C-alpha atoms as a PDB file:
ATOM      1  CA  MET A   1      80.282  99.709  97.568  1.00  0.00           C
ATOM      2  CA  ILE A   2      81.126  96.142  97.980  1.00  0.00           C
ATOM      3  CA  PHE A   3      84.287  94.762  99.872  1.00  0.00           C
ATOM      4  CA  ASN A   4      85.785  91.469  98.607  1.00  0.00           C
ATOM      5  CA  VAL A   5      88.286  90.256 100.552  1.00  0.00           C
ATOM      6  CA  THR A   6      90.704  87.106  99.475  1.00  0.00           C
ATOM      7  CA  GLY A   7      93.832  85.066 100.474  1.00  0.00           C
ATOM      8  CA  GLY A   8      97.165  85.770  98.733  1.00  0.00           C
ATOM      9  CA  GLY A   9      99.585  83.027  97.766  1.00  0.00           C
ATOM     10  CA  GLY A  10     102.921  82.355  98.861  1.00  0.00           C
ATOM     11  CA  GLY A  11     102.177  84.412 102.423  1.00  0.00           C
ATOM     12  CA  THR A  12     102.047  87.774 100.565  1.00  0.00           C
ATOM     13  CA  GLY A  13      98.937  88.485 102.389  1.00  0.00           C
ATOM     14  CA  GLY A  14      95.434  88.907 101.577  1.00  0.00           C
ATOM     15  CA  ALA A  15      94.126  90.766  98.424  1.00  0.00           C
ATOM     16  CA  LEU A  16      91.023  93.457  99.248  1.00  0.00           C
ATOM     17  CA  THR A  17      88.738  94.459  95.884  1.00  0.00           C
ATOM     18  CA  VAL A  18      86.602  97.333  96.494  1.00  0.00           C
ATOM     19  CA  THR A  19      84.079  97.801  94.133  1.00  0.00           C
ATOM     20  CA  ALA A  20      83.157 101.925  94.972  1.00  0.00           C
ATOM     21  CA  PRO A  21      81.628 104.502  93.073  1.00  0.00           C
ATOM     22  CA  ALA A  22      84.006 106.154  89.899  1.00  0.00           C
ATOM     23  CA  ASN A  23      86.596 108.157  90.699  1.00  0.00           C
ATOM     24  CA  VAL A  24      86.784 108.217  94.294  1.00  0.00           C
ATOM     25  CA  THR A  25      89.452 107.905  96.645  1.00  0.00           C
ATOM     26  CA  VAL A  26      89.578 104.661  98.384  1.00  0.00           C
ATOM     27  CA  THR A  27      92.023 104.228 101.654  1.00  0.00           C
ATOM     28  CA  VAL A  28      92.638 101.303 103.972  1.00  0.00           C
ATOM     29  CA  SER A  29      94.655 101.427 107.169  1.00  0.00           C
ATOM     30  CA  LYS A  30      95.311  99.362 109.941  1.00  0.00           C
ATOM     31  CA  ASP A  31      98.000 100.125 112.953  1.00  0.00           C
ATOM     32  CA  GLY A  32      99.585 103.315 111.392  1.00  0.00           C
ATOM     33  CA  LYS A  33     100.036 101.544 107.961  1.00  0.00           C
ATOM     34  CA  THR A  34      97.560 103.388 105.278  1.00  0.00           C
ATOM     35  CA  LYS A  35      97.152 102.540 101.541  1.00  0.00           C
ATOM     36  CA  THR A  36      95.031 104.736  99.072  1.00  0.00           C
ATOM     37  CA  LYS A  37      94.220 104.714  95.449  1.00  0.00           C
ATOM     38  CA  ASN A  38      91.807 106.307  92.846  1.00  0.00           C
ATOM     39  CA  SER A  39      88.675 103.680  91.876  1.00  0.00           C
ATOM     40  CA  GLY A  40      89.217 105.261  88.593  1.00  0.00           C
ATOM     41  CA  ALA A  41      86.518 105.053  86.042  1.00  0.00           C
ATOM     42  CA  SER A  42      85.772 101.370  86.531  1.00  0.00           C
ATOM     43  CA  GLY A  43      85.084 101.798  90.290  1.00  0.00           C
ATOM     44  CA  THR A  44      87.320  98.518  91.416  1.00  0.00           C
ATOM     45  CA  VAL A  45      90.424  98.998  93.656  1.00  0.00           C
ATOM     46  CA  VAL A  46      93.008  96.224  94.478  1.00  0.00           C
ATOM     47  CA  PHE A  47      94.801  96.523  97.577  1.00  0.00           C
ATOM     48  CA  LYS A  48      97.556  93.476  97.643  1.00  0.00           C
ATOM     49  CA  GLY A  49      99.717  92.056 100.695  1.00  0.00           C
ATOM     50  CA  LEU A  50      97.405  93.039 103.609  1.00  0.00           C
ATOM     51  CA  GLU A  51      98.126  91.325 106.267  1.00  0.00           C
ATOM     52  CA  THR A  52      94.769  89.464 108.660  1.00  0.00           C
ATOM     53  CA  GLY A  53      93.511  91.852 110.839  1.00  0.00           C
ATOM     54  CA  THR A  54      91.000  94.757 111.420  1.00  0.00           C
ATOM     55  CA  TRP A  55      91.084  97.368 108.727  1.00  0.00           C
ATOM     56  CA  ALA A  56      89.408 100.660 108.329  1.00  0.00           C
ATOM     57  CA  ILE A  57      88.643 101.079 104.448  1.00  0.00           C
ATOM     58  CA  THR A  58      87.086 104.899 103.645  1.00  0.00           C
ATOM     59  CA  ILE A  59      85.868 106.137 100.660  1.00  0.00           C
ATOM     60  CA  THR A  60      86.431 110.206  99.582  1.00  0.00           C
ATOM     61  CA  ASN A  61      84.499 111.608  96.521  1.00  0.00           C
ATOM     62  CA  GLY A  62      85.939 115.387  97.956  1.00  0.00           C
ATOM     63  CA  THR A  63      82.447 116.438  99.693  1.00  0.00           C
ATOM     64  CA  ASP A  64      81.227 112.870 100.854  1.00  0.00           C
ATOM     65  CA  THR A  65      83.180 110.342 103.365  1.00  0.00           C
ATOM     66  CA  ALA A  66      81.861 106.644 104.106  1.00  0.00           C
ATOM     67  CA  THR A  67      84.175 104.357 106.392  1.00  0.00           C
ATOM     68  CA  LYS A  68      83.783 100.870 107.221  1.00  0.00           C
ATOM     69  CA  THR A  69      86.086  98.817 109.575  1.00  0.00           C
ATOM     70  CA  VAL A  70      86.130  95.466 108.157  1.00  0.00           C
ATOM     71  CA  GLU A  71      88.493  91.978 109.822  1.00  0.00           C
ATOM     72  CA  ILE A  72      90.569  90.758 106.783  1.00  0.00           C
ATOM     73  CA  LYS A  73      90.141  87.224 106.551  1.00  0.00           C
ATOM     74  CA  ALA A  74      89.545  84.798 103.136  1.00  0.00           C
ATOM     75  CA  ASP A  75      86.314  84.956 101.373  1.00  0.00           C
ATOM     76  CA  TYR A  76      85.081  88.177 103.241  1.00  0.00           C
ATOM     77  CA  GLN A  77      82.587  91.023 101.727  1.00  0.00           C
ATOM     78  CA  ALA A  78      81.024  93.869 103.304  1.00  0.00           C
ATOM     79  CA  GLU A  79      79.176  96.486 102.117  1.00  0.00           C
ATOM     80  CA  ILE A  80      79.554 100.348 102.347  1.00  0.00           C
ATOM     81  CA  THR A  81      77.418 103.324 101.003  1.00  0.00           C
ATOM     82  CA  PHE A  82      77.574 107.311 100.868  1.00  0.00           C
ATOM     83  CA  PHE A  83      74.664 108.576 103.691  1.00  0.00           C
ATOM     84  CA  SER A  84      72.711 111.316 102.566  1.00  0.00           C
ATOM     85  CA  ALA A  85      69.676 112.933 104.026  1.00  0.00           C
ATOM     86  CA  THR A  86      66.780 114.695 102.584  1.00  0.00           C
ATOM     87  CA  ILE A  87      65.380 117.383 104.470  1.00  0.00           C
END
């Protein structure tokens, strides 16, 4: 999963584009504020109007969860994937 963060225009905050597996729940949260969207068939979710700072980004597909904390600022990218152990 790739996170691409860019600044928004007109003081509206940053836009966070998350490329994730298809049909997973994507949640971003910071200081008690939470936004949730489904990645749909395209696997792409855009959250607009995010203030700069540290945000927790979580993906869930019903059985697996992956979380990454990122610092929202212009031109930021991070990668997150589900962890799967084979025994």
